[in-house]
């Protein structure tokens, strides 16, 4: 039975991936507001009701790319090495992401990634929907921090600050690349900015540092 469950789950994930990528391709080519859900369903060769079972809102079609990142910060904290502090693990993870040009850090000048970021940050409804993803990231991180240090409001405040810092760093990297710079040239300054930002967090979040 577990094998059948695993197969169903893999098929479900492939469906999410295929429909989302089909939608993003249409959005990039024609613009988010110019593409209807019905057109996405037709291109993905599924019915509109089936599409809505997987993606309750049109914005979710584009933001599915962030699904794996929603609890990423929490996973970094819970999976850190024994010698690492929660904040130290998050700092190291972000800098590692910069060095491997992880798109979530904003330091990526691949044509397709830039196109997706332009779509995301240039579409108000997608930006608004992204805030919901970030809120759930904060909640997951707060739960992970509560297991490593003070819980309650203190953990929630810490999680909000950390997720906000990561977002601002990523947006700054994207803005600079959007203005014409490239990821290789920006790496050094992006790492220095991350080190500075996490240094500020470390000074203010000593229970998790």
C-alpha atoms as a PDB file:
ATOM      1  CA  UNK A   1       0.000   0.000   0.000  1.00  0.00           C
ATOM      2  CA  UNK A   2       2.855   2.394   0.813  1.00  0.00           C
ATOM      3  CA  UNK A   3       4.260   1.862  -2.684  1.00  0.00           C
ATOM      4  CA  UNK A   4       0.920   2.771  -4.234  1.00  0.00           C
ATOM      5  CA  UNK A   5       0.693   5.851  -2.022  1.00  0.00           C
ATOM      6  CA  UNK A   6       4.185   6.907  -3.058  1.00  0.00           C
ATOM      7  CA  UNK A   7       3.338   6.458  -6.730  1.00  0.00           C
ATOM      8  CA  UNK A   8       0.171   8.545  -6.379  1.00  0.00           C
ATOM      9  CA  UNK A   9       2.106  11.275  -4.601  1.00  0.00           C
ATOM     10  CA  UNK A  10       4.775  11.359  -7.332  1.00  0.00           C
ATOM     11  CA  UNK A  11       2.105  11.569 -10.033  1.00  0.00           C
ATOM     12  CA  UNK A  12       0.419  14.374  -8.122  1.00  0.00           C
ATOM     13  CA  UNK A  13       3.673  16.302  -7.831  1.00  0.00           C
ATOM     14  CA  UNK A  14       4.345  15.841 -11.554  1.00  0.00           C
ATOM     15  CA  UNK A  15       0.886  17.236 -12.254  1.00  0.00           C
ATOM     16  CA  UNK A  16       1.598  20.299 -10.114  1.00  0.00           C
ATOM     17  CA  UNK A  17       4.945  20.793 -11.845  1.00  0.00           C
ATOM     18  CA  UNK A  18       3.666  20.343 -15.406  1.00  0.00           C
ATOM     19  CA  UNK A  19       0.631  22.600 -15.007  1.00  0.00           C
ATOM     20  CA  UNK A  20       2.632  25.306 -13.239  1.00  0.00           C
ATOM     21  CA  UNK A  21       5.403  25.318 -15.852  1.00  0.00           C
ATOM     22  CA  UNK A  22       2.814  25.420 -18.656  1.00  0.00           C
ATOM     23  CA  UNK A  23       1.165  28.419 -17.015  1.00  0.00           C
ATOM     24  CA  UNK A  24       4.447  30.243 -16.405  1.00  0.00           C
ATOM     25  CA  UNK A  25       5.422  29.769 -20.052  1.00  0.00           C
ATOM     26  CA  UNK A  26       2.158  31.402 -21.120  1.00  0.00           C
ATOM     27  CA  UNK A  27       2.511  34.196 -18.536  1.00  0.00           C
ATOM     28  CA  UNK A  28       6.041  35.007 -19.679  1.00  0.00           C
ATOM     29  CA  UNK A  29       5.038  35.052 -23.318  1.00  0.00           C
ATOM     30  CA  UNK A  30       1.848  37.091 -23.037  1.00  0.00           C
ATOM     31  CA  UNK A  31       1.676  38.595 -19.557  1.00  0.00           C
ATOM     32  CA  UNK A  32      -0.044  37.365 -16.405  1.00  0.00           C
ATOM     33  CA  UNK A  33      -3.243  39.378 -16.804  1.00  0.00           C
ATOM     34  CA  UNK A  34      -3.599  38.483 -20.488  1.00  0.00           C
ATOM     35  CA  UNK A  35      -3.790  34.727 -19.901  1.00  0.00           C
ATOM     36  CA  UNK A  36      -6.978  33.140 -18.569  1.00  0.00           C
ATOM     37  CA  UNK A  37      -7.208  30.067 -16.366  1.00  0.00           C
ATOM     38  CA  UNK A  38      -9.207  28.371 -19.114  1.00  0.00           C
ATOM     39  CA  UNK A  39      -6.307  28.894 -21.532  1.00  0.00           C
ATOM     40  CA  UNK A  40      -3.878  27.381 -19.042  1.00  0.00           C
ATOM     41  CA  UNK A  41      -6.135  24.356 -18.576  1.00  0.00           C
ATOM     42  CA  UNK A  42      -6.408  23.877 -22.328  1.00  0.00           C
ATOM     43  CA  UNK A  43      -2.634  24.142 -22.814  1.00  0.00           C
ATOM     44  CA  UNK A  44      -2.051  21.673 -19.961  1.00  0.00           C
ATOM     45  CA  UNK A  45      -4.688  19.336 -21.420  1.00  0.00           C
ATOM     46  CA  UNK A  46      -6.782  19.171 -18.260  1.00  0.00           C
ATOM     47  CA  UNK A  47     -10.236  20.471 -17.393  1.00  0.00           C
ATOM     48  CA  UNK A  48     -10.709  23.793 -15.633  1.00  0.00           C
ATOM     49  CA  UNK A  49     -12.274  22.117 -12.542  1.00  0.00           C
ATOM     50  CA  UNK A  50      -9.262  19.779 -12.324  1.00  0.00           C
ATOM     51  CA  UNK A  51      -6.901  22.743 -12.514  1.00  0.00           C
ATOM     52  CA  UNK A  52      -8.705  24.450  -9.644  1.00  0.00           C
ATOM     53  CA  UNK A  53      -8.391  21.305  -7.522  1.00  0.00           C
ATOM     54  CA  UNK A  54      -4.636  21.687  -7.755  1.00  0.00           C
ATOM     55  CA  UNK A  55      -4.405  25.485  -7.840  1.00  0.00           C
ATOM     56  CA  UNK A  56      -7.206  27.341  -6.014  1.00  0.00           C
ATOM     57  CA  UNK A  57      -6.111  30.723  -7.400  1.00  0.00           C
ATOM     58  CA  UNK A  58      -4.541  31.806 -10.674  1.00  0.00           C
ATOM     59  CA  UNK A  59      -1.603  33.324  -8.776  1.00  0.00           C
ATOM     60  CA  UNK A  60      -0.762  29.914  -7.322  1.00  0.00           C
ATOM     61  CA  UNK A  61       0.075  28.693 -10.813  1.00  0.00           C
ATOM     62  CA  UNK A  62       3.058  31.043 -10.896  1.00  0.00           C
ATOM     63  CA  UNK A  63       4.036  30.816  -7.253  1.00  0.00           C
ATOM     64  CA  UNK A  64       4.208  27.022  -7.169  1.00  0.00           C
ATOM     65  CA  UNK A  65       7.922  27.473  -7.843  1.00  0.00           C
ATOM     66  CA  UNK A  66       8.166  28.753  -4.276  1.00  0.00           C
ATOM     67  CA  UNK A  67       6.419  25.726  -2.773  1.00  0.00           C
ATOM     68  CA  UNK A  68       9.680  23.969  -1.853  1.00  0.00           C
ATOM     69  CA  UNK A  69      11.022  27.155  -0.267  1.00  0.00           C
ATOM     70  CA  UNK A  70       8.054  27.817   2.021  1.00  0.00           C
ATOM     71  CA  UNK A  71       9.517  25.882   4.953  1.00  0.00           C
ATOM     72  CA  UNK A  72      13.151  26.033   3.818  1.00  0.00           C
ATOM     73  CA  UNK A  73      14.345  28.264   6.669  1.00  0.00           C
ATOM     74  CA  UNK A  74      12.641  25.989   9.198  1.00  0.00           C
ATOM     75  CA  UNK A  75      14.275  22.929   7.653  1.00  0.00           C
ATOM     76  CA  UNK A  76      17.693  24.609   7.836  1.00  0.00           C
ATOM     77  CA  UNK A  77      17.220  25.234  11.558  1.00  0.00           C
ATOM     78  CA  UNK A  78      15.934  21.757  12.414  1.00  0.00           C
ATOM     79  CA  UNK A  79      18.548  20.048  10.248  1.00  0.00           C
ATOM     80  CA  UNK A  80      21.567  22.089  11.349  1.00  0.00           C
ATOM     81  CA  UNK A  81      24.775  20.519  12.657  1.00  0.00           C
ATOM     82  CA  UNK A  82      25.109  20.082  16.420  1.00  0.00           C
ATOM     83  CA  UNK A  83      27.754  22.813  16.658  1.00  0.00           C
ATOM     84  CA  UNK A  84      25.692  25.376  14.727  1.00  0.00           C
ATOM     85  CA  UNK A  85      23.344  27.961  16.137  1.00  0.00           C
ATOM     86  CA  UNK A  86      20.019  28.493  14.323  1.00  0.00           C
ATOM     87  CA  UNK A  87      21.116  31.909  13.064  1.00  0.00           C
ATOM     88  CA  UNK A  88      24.557  30.649  12.078  1.00  0.00           C
ATOM     89  CA  UNK A  89      23.009  27.839  10.053  1.00  0.00           C
ATOM     90  CA  UNK A  90      20.656  30.235   8.267  1.00  0.00           C
ATOM     91  CA  UNK A  91      23.514  32.642   7.530  1.00  0.00           C
ATOM     92  CA  UNK A  92      25.686  29.875   6.082  1.00  0.00           C
ATOM     93  CA  UNK A  93      22.772  28.525   4.031  1.00  0.00           C
ATOM     94  CA  UNK A  94      22.030  31.930   2.498  1.00  0.00           C
ATOM     95  CA  UNK A  95      25.666  32.606   1.572  1.00  0.00           C
ATOM     96  CA  UNK A  96      25.927  29.113   0.074  1.00  0.00           C
ATOM     97  CA  UNK A  97      22.821  29.921  -1.970  1.00  0.00           C
ATOM     98  CA  UNK A  98      24.478  33.099  -3.242  1.00  0.00           C
ATOM     99  CA  UNK A  99      27.579  31.177  -4.310  1.00  0.00           C
ATOM    100  CA  UNK A 100      25.555  28.596  -6.264  1.00  0.00           C
ATOM    101  CA  UNK A 101      23.300  31.316  -7.730  1.00  0.00           C
ATOM    102  CA  UNK A 102      20.111  29.983  -6.141  1.00  0.00           C
ATOM    103  CA  UNK A 103      17.302  32.049  -7.740  1.00  0.00           C
ATOM    104  CA  UNK A 104      15.634  32.503  -4.343  1.00  0.00           C
ATOM    105  CA  UNK A 105      18.592  34.709  -3.286  1.00  0.00           C
ATOM    106  CA  UNK A 106      17.980  37.037  -6.232  1.00  0.00           C
ATOM    107  CA  UNK A 107      21.568  36.557  -7.420  1.00  0.00           C
ATOM    108  CA  UNK A 108      20.868  34.837 -10.711  1.00  0.00           C
ATOM    109  CA  UNK A 109      21.087  36.380 -14.180  1.00  0.00           C
ATOM    110  CA  UNK A 110      19.831  33.422 -16.193  1.00  0.00           C
ATOM    111  CA  UNK A 111      17.444  34.704 -18.876  1.00  0.00           C
ATOM    112  CA  UNK A 112      14.538  32.498 -17.788  1.00  0.00           C
ATOM    113  CA  UNK A 113      15.024  33.304 -14.111  1.00  0.00           C
ATOM    114  CA  UNK A 114      15.145  37.038 -14.829  1.00  0.00           C
ATOM    115  CA  UNK A 115      11.981  36.742 -16.875  1.00  0.00           C
ATOM    116  CA  UNK A 116      10.215  34.985 -14.023  1.00  0.00           C
ATOM    117  CA  UNK A 117      11.371  37.577 -11.479  1.00  0.00           C
ATOM    118  CA  UNK A 118      10.213  40.380 -13.777  1.00  0.00           C
ATOM    119  CA  UNK A 119       6.838  38.664 -14.000  1.00  0.00           C
ATOM    120  CA  UNK A 120       6.667  38.162 -10.239  1.00  0.00           C
ATOM    121  CA  UNK A 121       7.724  41.608  -9.058  1.00  0.00           C
ATOM    122  CA  UNK A 122       5.947  43.371 -11.894  1.00  0.00           C
ATOM    123  CA  UNK A 123       2.526  41.865 -11.170  1.00  0.00           C
ATOM    124  CA  UNK A 124       0.823  43.354  -8.072  1.00  0.00           C
ATOM    125  CA  UNK A 125      -1.459  40.366  -7.498  1.00  0.00           C
ATOM    126  CA  UNK A 126       1.548  38.005  -7.483  1.00  0.00           C
ATOM    127  CA  UNK A 127       3.434  40.233  -5.037  1.00  0.00           C
ATOM    128  CA  UNK A 128       0.396  40.257  -2.758  1.00  0.00           C
ATOM    129  CA  UNK A 129       0.062  36.475  -2.959  1.00  0.00           C
ATOM    130  CA  UNK A 130       3.770  36.072  -2.233  1.00  0.00           C
ATOM    131  CA  UNK A 131       3.215  37.740   1.149  1.00  0.00           C
ATOM    132  CA  UNK A 132       1.064  34.764   2.112  1.00  0.00           C
ATOM    133  CA  UNK A 133       3.920  32.390   1.332  1.00  0.00           C
ATOM    134  CA  UNK A 134       6.285  34.517   3.403  1.00  0.00           C
ATOM    135  CA  UNK A 135       3.865  34.546   6.317  1.00  0.00           C
ATOM    136  CA  UNK A 136       3.745  30.743   6.314  1.00  0.00           C
ATOM    137  CA  UNK A 137       7.554  30.707   6.133  1.00  0.00           C
ATOM    138  CA  UNK A 138       7.656  32.869   9.251  1.00  0.00           C
ATOM    139  CA  UNK A 139       5.257  30.565  11.075  1.00  0.00           C
ATOM    140  CA  UNK A 140       7.275  27.454  10.206  1.00  0.00           C
ATOM    141  CA  UNK A 141      10.549  29.130  11.183  1.00  0.00           C
ATOM    142  CA  UNK A 142       9.053  30.370  14.475  1.00  0.00           C
ATOM    143  CA  UNK A 143       8.112  26.792  15.380  1.00  0.00           C
ATOM    144  CA  UNK A 144      11.640  25.600  14.583  1.00  0.00           C
ATOM    145  CA  UNK A 145      13.231  28.421  16.597  1.00  0.00           C
ATOM    146  CA  UNK A 146      10.980  27.661  19.556  1.00  0.00           C
ATOM    147  CA  UNK A 147      12.553  24.199  19.732  1.00  0.00           C
ATOM    148  CA  UNK A 148      16.044  25.718  19.809  1.00  0.00           C
ATOM    149  CA  UNK A 149      15.475  28.661  22.162  1.00  0.00           C
ATOM    150  CA  UNK A 150      12.775  30.895  23.598  1.00  0.00           C
ATOM    151  CA  UNK A 151       9.340  30.300  22.118  1.00  0.00           C
ATOM    152  CA  UNK A 152       6.156  32.317  21.935  1.00  0.00           C
ATOM    153  CA  UNK A 153       6.298  35.935  20.825  1.00  0.00           C
ATOM    154  CA  UNK A 154      10.094  36.047  20.967  1.00  0.00           C
ATOM    155  CA  UNK A 155      10.389  33.242  18.407  1.00  0.00           C
ATOM    156  CA  UNK A 156       7.746  34.834  16.179  1.00  0.00           C
ATOM    157  CA  UNK A 157       9.516  38.213  16.267  1.00  0.00           C
ATOM    158  CA  UNK A 158      12.841  36.559  15.450  1.00  0.00           C
ATOM    159  CA  UNK A 159      11.331  34.593  12.550  1.00  0.00           C
ATOM    160  CA  UNK A 160       9.728  37.742  11.131  1.00  0.00           C
ATOM    161  CA  UNK A 161      13.049  39.596  11.223  1.00  0.00           C
ATOM    162  CA  UNK A 162      14.979  36.736   9.606  1.00  0.00           C
ATOM    163  CA  UNK A 163      12.498  36.182   6.767  1.00  0.00           C
ATOM    164  CA  UNK A 164      12.328  39.936   6.144  1.00  0.00           C
ATOM    165  CA  UNK A 165      16.110  40.217   5.954  1.00  0.00           C
ATOM    166  CA  UNK A 166      16.286  37.354   3.476  1.00  0.00           C
ATOM    167  CA  UNK A 167      13.570  38.953   1.347  1.00  0.00           C
ATOM    168  CA  UNK A 168      15.261  42.364   1.328  1.00  0.00           C
ATOM    169  CA  UNK A 169      18.642  40.860   0.438  1.00  0.00           C
ATOM    170  CA  UNK A 170      17.084  38.898  -2.445  1.00  0.00           C
ATOM    171  CA  UNK A 171      15.153  41.910  -3.734  1.00  0.00           C
ATOM    172  CA  UNK A 172      18.281  44.087  -3.612  1.00  0.00           C
ATOM    173  CA  UNK A 173      20.241  41.508  -5.615  1.00  0.00           C
ATOM    174  CA  UNK A 174      17.435  41.261  -8.166  1.00  0.00           C
ATOM    175  CA  UNK A 175      17.152  45.048  -8.515  1.00  0.00           C
ATOM    176  CA  UNK A 176      20.880  45.390  -9.180  1.00  0.00           C
ATOM    177  CA  UNK A 177      20.864  42.625 -11.769  1.00  0.00           C
ATOM    178  CA  UNK A 178      17.705  44.095 -13.320  1.00  0.00           C
ATOM    179  CA  UNK A 179      19.595  47.399 -13.627  1.00  0.00           C
ATOM    180  CA  UNK A 180      22.221  45.722 -15.811  1.00  0.00           C
ATOM    181  CA  UNK A 181      24.813  44.125 -13.543  1.00  0.00           C
ATOM    182  CA  UNK A 182      25.605  40.396 -13.570  1.00  0.00           C
ATOM    183  CA  UNK A 183      25.675  37.732 -10.880  1.00  0.00           C
ATOM    184  CA  UNK A 184      29.421  37.055 -11.048  1.00  0.00           C
ATOM    185  CA  UNK A 185      30.351  40.702 -10.615  1.00  0.00           C
ATOM    186  CA  UNK A 186      27.845  41.149  -7.772  1.00  0.00           C
ATOM    187  CA  UNK A 187      28.767  38.047  -5.778  1.00  0.00           C
ATOM    188  CA  UNK A 188      31.332  39.712  -3.540  1.00  0.00           C
ATOM    189  CA  UNK A 189      29.126  42.635  -2.586  1.00  0.00           C
ATOM    190  CA  UNK A 190      26.120  40.333  -2.144  1.00  0.00           C
ATOM    191  CA  UNK A 191      28.063  38.153   0.313  1.00  0.00           C
ATOM    192  CA  UNK A 192      29.252  41.247   2.198  1.00  0.00           C
ATOM    193  CA  UNK A 193      25.677  42.548   2.382  1.00  0.00           C
ATOM    194  CA  UNK A 194      24.481  39.178   3.716  1.00  0.00           C
ATOM    195  CA  UNK A 195      27.286  39.080   6.297  1.00  0.00           C
ATOM    196  CA  UNK A 196      26.407  42.588   7.443  1.00  0.00           C
ATOM    197  CA  UNK A 197      22.684  41.820   7.622  1.00  0.00           C
ATOM    198  CA  UNK A 198      23.194  38.627   9.598  1.00  0.00           C
ATOM    199  CA  UNK A 199      25.614  40.476  11.841  1.00  0.00           C
ATOM    200  CA  UNK A 200      22.840  42.911  12.697  1.00  0.00           C
ATOM    201  CA  UNK A 201      20.493  40.008  13.331  1.00  0.00           C
ATOM    202  CA  UNK A 202      23.082  38.325  15.538  1.00  0.00           C
ATOM    203  CA  UNK A 203      23.440  41.446  17.686  1.00  0.00           C
ATOM    204  CA  UNK A 204      19.684  41.663  18.197  1.00  0.00           C
ATOM    205  CA  UNK A 205      18.777  37.968  18.350  1.00  0.00           C
ATOM    206  CA  UNK A 206      21.314  36.657  20.850  1.00  0.00           C
ATOM    207  CA  UNK A 207      19.162  33.757  22.128  1.00  0.00           C
ATOM    208  CA  UNK A 208      19.335  32.175  18.646  1.00  0.00           C
ATOM    209  CA  UNK A 209      22.873  33.240  17.764  1.00  0.00           C
END
